[in-house]
N, C-alpha and C. Protein backbone atom coordinates (compact mmCIF):
# COMPACT_ATOMS: atom_id res chain seq x y z
N UNK A 1 -14.43 -5.09 -9.03
CA UNK A 1 -14.72 -3.72 -8.78
C UNK A 1 -16.08 -3.66 -8.15
N UNK A 2 -17.02 -4.59 -8.58
CA UNK A 2 -18.43 -4.53 -7.94
C UNK A 2 -18.28 -4.79 -6.46
N UNK A 3 -17.42 -5.54 -6.02
CA UNK A 3 -17.35 -5.75 -4.52
C UNK A 3 -16.81 -4.45 -3.90
N UNK A 4 -15.85 -3.75 -4.51
CA UNK A 4 -15.45 -2.37 -4.00
C UNK A 4 -16.68 -1.56 -3.93
N UNK A 5 -17.45 -1.43 -4.81
CA UNK A 5 -18.60 -0.52 -4.80
C UNK A 5 -19.57 -0.92 -3.71
N UNK A 6 -19.70 -2.28 -3.54
CA UNK A 6 -20.52 -2.76 -2.41
C UNK A 6 -19.97 -2.33 -1.14
N UNK A 7 -18.64 -2.49 -0.97
CA UNK A 7 -18.02 -2.04 0.33
C UNK A 7 -18.23 -0.52 0.58
N UNK A 8 -18.24 0.25 -0.63
CA UNK A 8 -18.30 1.73 -0.54
C UNK A 8 -19.73 2.09 0.04
N UNK A 9 -20.69 1.29 -0.19
CA UNK A 9 -22.16 1.57 0.24
C UNK A 9 -22.27 1.73 1.78
N UNK A 10 -21.16 1.21 2.48
CA UNK A 10 -21.20 1.27 3.93
C UNK A 10 -21.13 2.73 4.42
N UNK A 11 -20.52 3.58 3.58
CA UNK A 11 -20.32 4.96 3.92
C UNK A 11 -20.77 5.91 2.72
N UNK A 12 -22.18 6.02 2.60
CA UNK A 12 -22.62 6.80 1.37
C UNK A 12 -22.09 8.22 1.26
N UNK A 13 -21.70 8.84 2.30
CA UNK A 13 -21.22 10.23 2.27
C UNK A 13 -19.71 10.23 1.78
N UNK A 14 -19.12 9.17 2.00
CA UNK A 14 -17.57 9.07 1.69
C UNK A 14 -17.41 7.68 1.06
N UNK A 15 -17.92 7.43 -0.19
CA UNK A 15 -17.92 6.05 -0.65
C UNK A 15 -16.66 5.58 -1.33
N UNK A 16 -15.56 5.58 -0.48
CA UNK A 16 -14.40 5.10 -0.80
C UNK A 16 -14.19 3.65 -0.32
N UNK A 17 -14.39 2.77 -1.28
CA UNK A 17 -14.39 1.32 -0.87
C UNK A 17 -13.27 0.66 -1.61
N UNK A 18 -12.74 -0.48 -1.01
CA UNK A 18 -11.60 -1.15 -1.63
C UNK A 18 -11.75 -2.64 -1.25
N UNK A 19 -11.26 -3.48 -2.18
CA UNK A 19 -10.97 -4.88 -1.85
C UNK A 19 -9.77 -5.37 -2.40
N UNK A 20 -9.22 -6.40 -1.78
CA UNK A 20 -8.06 -7.04 -2.29
C UNK A 20 -8.29 -8.45 -2.68
N UNK A 21 -7.89 -8.86 -3.81
CA UNK A 21 -8.31 -10.16 -4.40
C UNK A 21 -6.96 -10.84 -4.91
N UNK A 22 -7.07 -12.13 -4.96
CA UNK A 22 -6.02 -12.94 -5.62
C UNK A 22 -6.51 -13.27 -7.10
N UNK A 23 -5.73 -12.76 -8.05
CA UNK A 23 -6.37 -13.00 -9.42
C UNK A 23 -6.18 -14.38 -9.88
N UNK A 24 -5.32 -15.12 -9.29
CA UNK A 24 -5.04 -16.49 -9.71
C UNK A 24 -6.17 -17.43 -9.38
N UNK A 25 -6.70 -17.26 -8.08
CA UNK A 25 -7.68 -18.13 -7.48
C UNK A 25 -9.17 -17.46 -7.54
N UNK A 26 -9.06 -16.13 -7.86
CA UNK A 26 -10.31 -15.37 -7.89
C UNK A 26 -10.97 -15.04 -6.44
N UNK A 27 -10.14 -15.40 -5.37
CA UNK A 27 -10.51 -15.22 -4.06
C UNK A 27 -10.57 -13.74 -3.58
N UNK A 28 -11.65 -13.43 -3.06
CA UNK A 28 -11.67 -12.09 -2.39
C UNK A 28 -11.08 -12.34 -0.96
N UNK A 29 -9.96 -11.57 -0.73
CA UNK A 29 -9.25 -11.73 0.49
C UNK A 29 -9.75 -10.78 1.61
N UNK A 30 -10.04 -9.57 1.22
CA UNK A 30 -10.54 -8.57 2.32
C UNK A 30 -11.21 -7.36 1.61
N UNK A 31 -11.99 -6.82 2.36
CA UNK A 31 -12.69 -5.59 1.87
C UNK A 31 -12.49 -4.45 2.98
N UNK A 32 -12.53 -3.27 2.49
CA UNK A 32 -12.32 -2.09 3.39
C UNK A 32 -13.14 -0.94 2.90
N UNK A 33 -13.51 -0.03 3.74
CA UNK A 33 -14.18 1.23 3.41
C UNK A 33 -13.67 2.35 4.33
N UNK A 34 -14.12 3.61 3.79
CA UNK A 34 -13.63 4.74 4.35
C UNK A 34 -14.19 4.94 5.84
N UNK A 35 -13.32 5.09 6.86
CA UNK A 35 -13.67 5.26 8.19
C UNK A 35 -13.12 6.65 8.85
N UNK A 36 -13.00 7.53 7.94
CA UNK A 36 -12.21 8.79 8.22
C UNK A 36 -12.98 9.67 9.33
N UNK A 37 -14.26 9.31 9.48
CA UNK A 37 -15.03 9.96 10.73
C UNK A 37 -14.46 9.55 11.93
N UNK A 38 -13.80 8.31 12.11
CA UNK A 38 -13.16 7.76 13.27
C UNK A 38 -11.74 8.36 13.30
N UNK A 39 -11.04 8.31 12.21
CA UNK A 39 -9.62 8.61 12.06
C UNK A 39 -9.40 9.10 10.75
N UNK A 40 -8.89 10.24 10.57
CA UNK A 40 -8.69 10.98 9.20
C UNK A 40 -7.79 10.17 8.25
N UNK A 41 -7.01 9.20 8.72
CA UNK A 41 -6.16 8.47 7.75
C UNK A 41 -6.70 7.03 7.50
N UNK A 42 -7.93 6.77 7.95
CA UNK A 42 -8.46 5.44 7.83
C UNK A 42 -9.33 5.44 6.54
N UNK A 43 -8.62 5.47 5.41
CA UNK A 43 -9.31 5.48 4.17
C UNK A 43 -9.59 4.02 3.72
N UNK A 44 -10.44 3.86 2.67
CA UNK A 44 -10.85 2.56 2.30
C UNK A 44 -9.70 1.53 1.98
N UNK A 45 -8.68 2.12 1.20
CA UNK A 45 -7.57 1.32 0.83
C UNK A 45 -6.69 0.88 2.16
N UNK A 46 -6.59 1.82 3.10
CA UNK A 46 -5.88 1.55 4.37
C UNK A 46 -6.62 0.50 5.10
N UNK A 47 -7.84 0.63 5.20
CA UNK A 47 -8.76 -0.38 5.87
C UNK A 47 -8.53 -1.76 5.30
N UNK A 48 -8.66 -1.89 3.91
CA UNK A 48 -8.43 -3.13 3.28
C UNK A 48 -7.03 -3.72 3.57
N UNK A 49 -6.07 -2.87 3.49
CA UNK A 49 -4.70 -3.41 3.66
C UNK A 49 -4.40 -3.89 5.10
N UNK A 50 -5.06 -3.05 6.11
CA UNK A 50 -4.91 -3.59 7.37
C UNK A 50 -5.62 -4.96 7.65
N UNK A 51 -6.72 -5.12 6.99
CA UNK A 51 -7.37 -6.45 7.11
C UNK A 51 -6.58 -7.50 6.38
N UNK A 52 -5.92 -7.10 5.34
CA UNK A 52 -5.03 -8.13 4.63
C UNK A 52 -4.06 -8.73 5.64
N UNK A 53 -3.51 -7.90 6.43
CA UNK A 53 -2.47 -8.35 7.40
C UNK A 53 -2.93 -9.01 8.61
N UNK A 54 -4.30 -9.00 8.76
CA UNK A 54 -4.86 -9.79 9.90
C UNK A 54 -4.93 -11.35 9.57
N UNK A 55 -4.90 -11.67 8.34
CA UNK A 55 -5.01 -13.05 7.88
C UNK A 55 -3.68 -13.71 7.70
N UNK A 56 -3.56 -14.86 7.03
CA UNK A 56 -2.42 -15.62 6.78
C UNK A 56 -1.46 -14.81 5.91
N UNK A 57 -0.21 -14.93 6.05
CA UNK A 57 0.70 -14.25 5.19
C UNK A 57 0.55 -14.53 3.72
N UNK A 58 0.64 -13.59 2.86
CA UNK A 58 0.53 -13.77 1.35
C UNK A 58 1.64 -12.95 0.79
N UNK A 59 1.82 -13.34 -0.44
CA UNK A 59 2.74 -12.52 -1.29
C UNK A 59 1.95 -11.32 -1.92
N UNK A 60 2.18 -10.10 -1.37
CA UNK A 60 1.28 -8.95 -1.84
C UNK A 60 1.56 -8.64 -3.31
N UNK A 61 2.70 -8.99 -3.81
CA UNK A 61 2.92 -8.61 -5.16
C UNK A 61 1.99 -9.45 -6.17
N UNK A 62 1.40 -10.52 -5.76
CA UNK A 62 0.54 -11.31 -6.58
C UNK A 62 -0.91 -10.94 -6.39
N UNK A 63 -1.23 -9.98 -5.63
CA UNK A 63 -2.64 -9.60 -5.35
C UNK A 63 -2.92 -8.27 -6.09
N UNK A 64 -4.32 -7.98 -6.26
CA UNK A 64 -4.81 -6.90 -6.92
C UNK A 64 -5.62 -6.08 -5.87
N UNK A 65 -5.49 -4.78 -5.67
CA UNK A 65 -6.30 -3.95 -4.97
C UNK A 65 -7.30 -3.14 -5.93
N UNK A 66 -8.64 -3.35 -5.61
CA UNK A 66 -9.59 -2.67 -6.37
C UNK A 66 -10.06 -1.46 -5.52
N UNK A 67 -10.27 -0.26 -6.00
CA UNK A 67 -10.72 0.92 -5.30
C UNK A 67 -11.80 1.66 -6.06
N UNK A 68 -12.82 2.14 -5.47
CA UNK A 68 -13.80 2.90 -6.23
C UNK A 68 -13.26 4.29 -6.69
N UNK A 69 -12.08 4.74 -6.11
CA UNK A 69 -11.50 5.94 -6.56
C UNK A 69 -10.04 5.81 -6.68
N UNK A 70 -9.43 6.70 -7.58
CA UNK A 70 -8.00 6.69 -7.69
C UNK A 70 -7.42 6.90 -6.36
N UNK A 71 -6.39 6.09 -5.86
CA UNK A 71 -5.79 6.40 -4.64
C UNK A 71 -5.22 7.75 -4.41
N UNK A 72 -5.43 8.40 -3.14
CA UNK A 72 -4.76 9.57 -2.86
C UNK A 72 -3.33 9.31 -2.55
N UNK A 73 -2.65 10.39 -2.47
CA UNK A 73 -1.17 10.33 -2.24
C UNK A 73 -0.87 9.45 -0.98
N UNK A 74 -1.52 9.64 0.09
CA UNK A 74 -1.25 8.78 1.24
C UNK A 74 -1.52 7.26 1.01
N UNK A 75 -2.62 6.99 0.39
CA UNK A 75 -2.99 5.60 0.22
C UNK A 75 -2.12 5.00 -0.77
N UNK A 76 -1.84 5.67 -1.93
CA UNK A 76 -0.90 5.13 -2.82
C UNK A 76 0.48 4.77 -2.31
N UNK A 77 1.05 5.70 -1.44
CA UNK A 77 2.22 5.39 -0.76
C UNK A 77 2.17 4.14 0.06
N UNK A 78 1.04 4.01 0.79
CA UNK A 78 0.87 2.73 1.59
C UNK A 78 0.74 1.47 0.68
N UNK A 79 0.05 1.61 -0.42
CA UNK A 79 -0.05 0.50 -1.37
C UNK A 79 1.37 0.07 -1.78
N UNK A 80 2.04 1.06 -2.29
CA UNK A 80 3.41 0.76 -2.80
C UNK A 80 4.29 0.19 -1.72
N UNK A 81 4.27 0.61 -0.48
CA UNK A 81 5.07 0.08 0.66
C UNK A 81 4.62 -1.26 0.99
N UNK A 82 3.24 -1.57 0.73
CA UNK A 82 2.77 -2.80 1.10
C UNK A 82 3.26 -3.99 0.12
N UNK A 83 3.68 -3.56 -1.06
CA UNK A 83 4.20 -4.53 -2.04
C UNK A 83 3.11 -4.94 -3.07
N UNK A 84 1.90 -4.41 -3.02
CA UNK A 84 0.94 -4.70 -4.04
C UNK A 84 1.26 -4.01 -5.26
N UNK A 85 1.27 -4.74 -6.35
CA UNK A 85 1.76 -4.22 -7.74
C UNK A 85 0.75 -3.89 -8.72
N UNK A 86 -0.52 -4.23 -8.32
CA UNK A 86 -1.58 -3.92 -9.30
C UNK A 86 -2.75 -3.20 -8.60
N UNK A 87 -3.12 -2.08 -9.20
CA UNK A 87 -4.11 -1.18 -8.59
C UNK A 87 -5.17 -0.86 -9.68
N UNK A 88 -6.48 -1.26 -9.45
CA UNK A 88 -7.54 -0.91 -10.30
C UNK A 88 -8.50 -0.02 -9.71
N UNK A 89 -8.88 1.14 -10.31
CA UNK A 89 -9.73 2.02 -9.80
C UNK A 89 -10.93 2.63 -10.67
N UNK A 90 -11.89 3.19 -10.15
CA UNK A 90 -13.09 3.61 -10.94
C UNK A 90 -13.01 5.09 -11.23
N UNK A 91 -13.32 5.90 -10.18
CA UNK A 91 -13.32 7.44 -10.35
C UNK A 91 -11.86 8.07 -10.25
N UNK A 92 -11.70 9.05 -11.12
CA UNK A 92 -10.36 9.72 -11.09
C UNK A 92 -10.25 10.79 -10.00
N UNK A 93 -9.05 11.22 -9.68
CA UNK A 93 -8.82 12.33 -8.78
C UNK A 93 -9.51 13.55 -9.39
N UNK A 94 -9.29 13.75 -10.64
CA UNK A 94 -9.95 15.00 -11.27
C UNK A 94 -11.45 15.01 -10.98
N UNK A 95 -12.05 13.85 -11.21
CA UNK A 95 -13.59 13.91 -10.90
C UNK A 95 -13.88 14.20 -9.43
N UNK A 96 -13.12 13.54 -8.58
CA UNK A 96 -13.29 13.79 -7.13
C UNK A 96 -13.15 15.24 -6.82
N UNK A 97 -12.09 15.96 -7.44
CA UNK A 97 -11.91 17.36 -7.16
C UNK A 97 -13.19 18.21 -7.71
N UNK A 98 -13.55 17.85 -8.92
CA UNK A 98 -14.78 18.51 -9.50
C UNK A 98 -15.95 18.38 -8.59
N UNK A 99 -16.16 17.17 -7.91
CA UNK A 99 -17.28 16.99 -7.09
C UNK A 99 -17.08 17.62 -5.70
N UNK A 100 -15.99 18.27 -5.44
CA UNK A 100 -15.76 18.98 -4.14
C UNK A 100 -15.09 18.08 -3.09
N UNK A 101 -14.59 16.88 -3.37
CA UNK A 101 -13.80 16.07 -2.42
C UNK A 101 -12.39 16.60 -2.43
N UNK A 102 -11.88 16.73 -1.18
CA UNK A 102 -10.49 17.21 -1.03
C UNK A 102 -9.42 16.17 -1.57
N UNK A 103 -8.62 16.68 -2.54
CA UNK A 103 -7.65 15.75 -3.09
C UNK A 103 -6.50 16.66 -3.29
N UNK A 104 -5.21 15.96 -3.33
CA UNK A 104 -4.05 16.62 -3.86
C UNK A 104 -4.10 16.56 -5.40
N UNK A 105 -3.69 17.57 -6.10
CA UNK A 105 -3.62 17.61 -7.48
C UNK A 105 -2.46 16.84 -8.16
N UNK A 106 -2.31 15.59 -7.70
CA UNK A 106 -1.39 14.72 -8.18
C UNK A 106 -1.93 13.37 -8.51
N UNK A 107 -1.74 12.94 -9.80
CA UNK A 107 -2.26 11.67 -10.16
C UNK A 107 -1.50 10.50 -9.61
N UNK A 108 -2.08 9.41 -9.49
CA UNK A 108 -1.45 8.24 -8.98
C UNK A 108 -0.31 7.78 -10.04
N UNK A 109 -0.48 8.00 -11.25
CA UNK A 109 0.52 7.70 -12.35
C UNK A 109 1.78 8.56 -11.98
N UNK A 110 1.56 9.87 -11.69
CA UNK A 110 2.72 10.67 -11.41
C UNK A 110 3.53 10.22 -10.23
N UNK A 111 2.81 9.77 -9.21
CA UNK A 111 3.47 9.26 -8.07
C UNK A 111 4.23 7.94 -8.39
N UNK A 112 3.62 7.11 -9.00
CA UNK A 112 4.29 5.86 -9.40
C UNK A 112 5.52 6.06 -10.18
N UNK A 113 5.53 6.93 -11.13
CA UNK A 113 6.59 7.37 -11.98
C UNK A 113 7.84 7.75 -11.18
N UNK A 114 7.49 8.48 -9.99
CA UNK A 114 8.61 8.98 -9.11
C UNK A 114 8.97 8.17 -7.93
N UNK A 115 8.24 6.97 -7.85
CA UNK A 115 8.45 6.10 -6.69
C UNK A 115 9.50 5.09 -6.98
N UNK A 116 9.87 4.25 -6.00
CA UNK A 116 10.73 3.19 -6.01
C UNK A 116 10.20 1.97 -6.78
N UNK A 117 8.85 2.06 -7.01
CA UNK A 117 8.20 0.84 -7.59
C UNK A 117 7.47 1.28 -8.89
N UNK A 118 8.33 1.60 -9.92
CA UNK A 118 7.75 1.98 -11.10
C UNK A 118 7.17 0.82 -11.93
N UNK A 119 7.19 -0.38 -11.32
CA UNK A 119 6.61 -1.56 -12.00
C UNK A 119 5.18 -1.64 -11.65
N UNK A 120 4.70 -0.93 -10.75
CA UNK A 120 3.23 -1.02 -10.30
C UNK A 120 2.35 -0.70 -11.47
N UNK A 121 1.37 -1.50 -11.65
CA UNK A 121 0.45 -1.28 -12.77
C UNK A 121 -0.78 -0.70 -12.30
N UNK A 122 -1.12 0.43 -12.86
CA UNK A 122 -2.42 1.26 -12.52
C UNK A 122 -3.37 1.08 -13.64
N UNK A 123 -4.63 0.63 -13.34
CA UNK A 123 -5.67 0.54 -14.44
C UNK A 123 -6.85 1.39 -13.95
N UNK A 124 -7.13 2.48 -14.58
CA UNK A 124 -8.15 3.40 -14.24
C UNK A 124 -9.40 3.33 -15.10
N UNK A 125 -10.46 3.87 -14.57
CA UNK A 125 -11.86 3.90 -15.37
C UNK A 125 -12.66 2.61 -15.39
N UNK A 126 -12.32 1.68 -14.51
CA UNK A 126 -13.03 0.49 -14.45
C UNK A 126 -14.40 0.63 -13.67
N UNK A 127 -15.53 0.45 -14.35
CA UNK A 127 -16.85 0.77 -13.81
C UNK A 127 -16.85 2.19 -13.39
N UNK A 128 -16.21 2.96 -14.12
CA UNK A 128 -16.07 4.42 -13.81
C UNK A 128 -17.43 5.12 -13.59
N UNK A 129 -18.41 4.93 -14.45
CA UNK A 129 -19.65 5.60 -14.37
C UNK A 129 -20.45 5.19 -12.99
N UNK A 130 -20.37 3.90 -12.73
CA UNK A 130 -20.99 3.45 -11.45
C UNK A 130 -20.26 4.03 -10.23
N UNK A 131 -19.00 4.12 -10.33
CA UNK A 131 -18.23 4.73 -9.15
C UNK A 131 -18.42 6.17 -9.12
N UNK A 132 -18.52 6.89 -10.19
CA UNK A 132 -18.79 8.28 -10.18
C UNK A 132 -20.10 8.56 -9.62
N UNK A 133 -21.19 7.81 -9.87
CA UNK A 133 -22.45 7.96 -9.29
C UNK A 133 -22.49 7.92 -7.73
N UNK A 134 -21.62 6.99 -7.26
CA UNK A 134 -21.50 6.93 -5.84
C UNK A 134 -21.04 8.23 -5.18
N UNK A 135 -20.04 8.87 -5.81
CA UNK A 135 -19.52 10.08 -5.37
C UNK A 135 -20.38 11.30 -5.63
N UNK A 136 -21.17 11.26 -6.66
CA UNK A 136 -22.19 12.28 -7.01
C UNK A 136 -23.33 12.26 -5.97
N UNK A 137 -23.60 11.08 -5.63
CA UNK A 137 -24.75 10.94 -4.70
C UNK A 137 -24.32 11.24 -3.16
N UNK A 138 -23.00 11.05 -3.04
CA UNK A 138 -22.50 11.25 -1.74
C UNK A 138 -22.20 12.69 -1.30
N UNK A 139 -22.36 13.66 -2.24
CA UNK A 139 -22.06 15.11 -1.98
C UNK A 139 -23.02 15.58 -1.06
């Protein structure tokens, strides 16, 4: 998660950072950050997943995606379609909305429960305070 926070520092006003790692080897595979000033759908998770597919083919179900924030509806859909089965995040959608960031009022858990991939594991609140601070400072 610390590496996702580091990636988020590339965009202080929109500190959505993400990394994808191999939990077995501990290898950091790729990093991504929000580039929505260039393209509105270029979120941190999307950036990281695009970078994942630039390298050698890997089994995405064996990887973990870490994000500074609970994935939005679009990003979660993309993560599920990519085959990544473990998502770890810091700041919740509720906190993002309270801070004035545009979000759908739907939790990632709700979406997973209604998706084709109900096996996806979602772990929230990891380094939450540190991630919250990024978003508080970014307002």
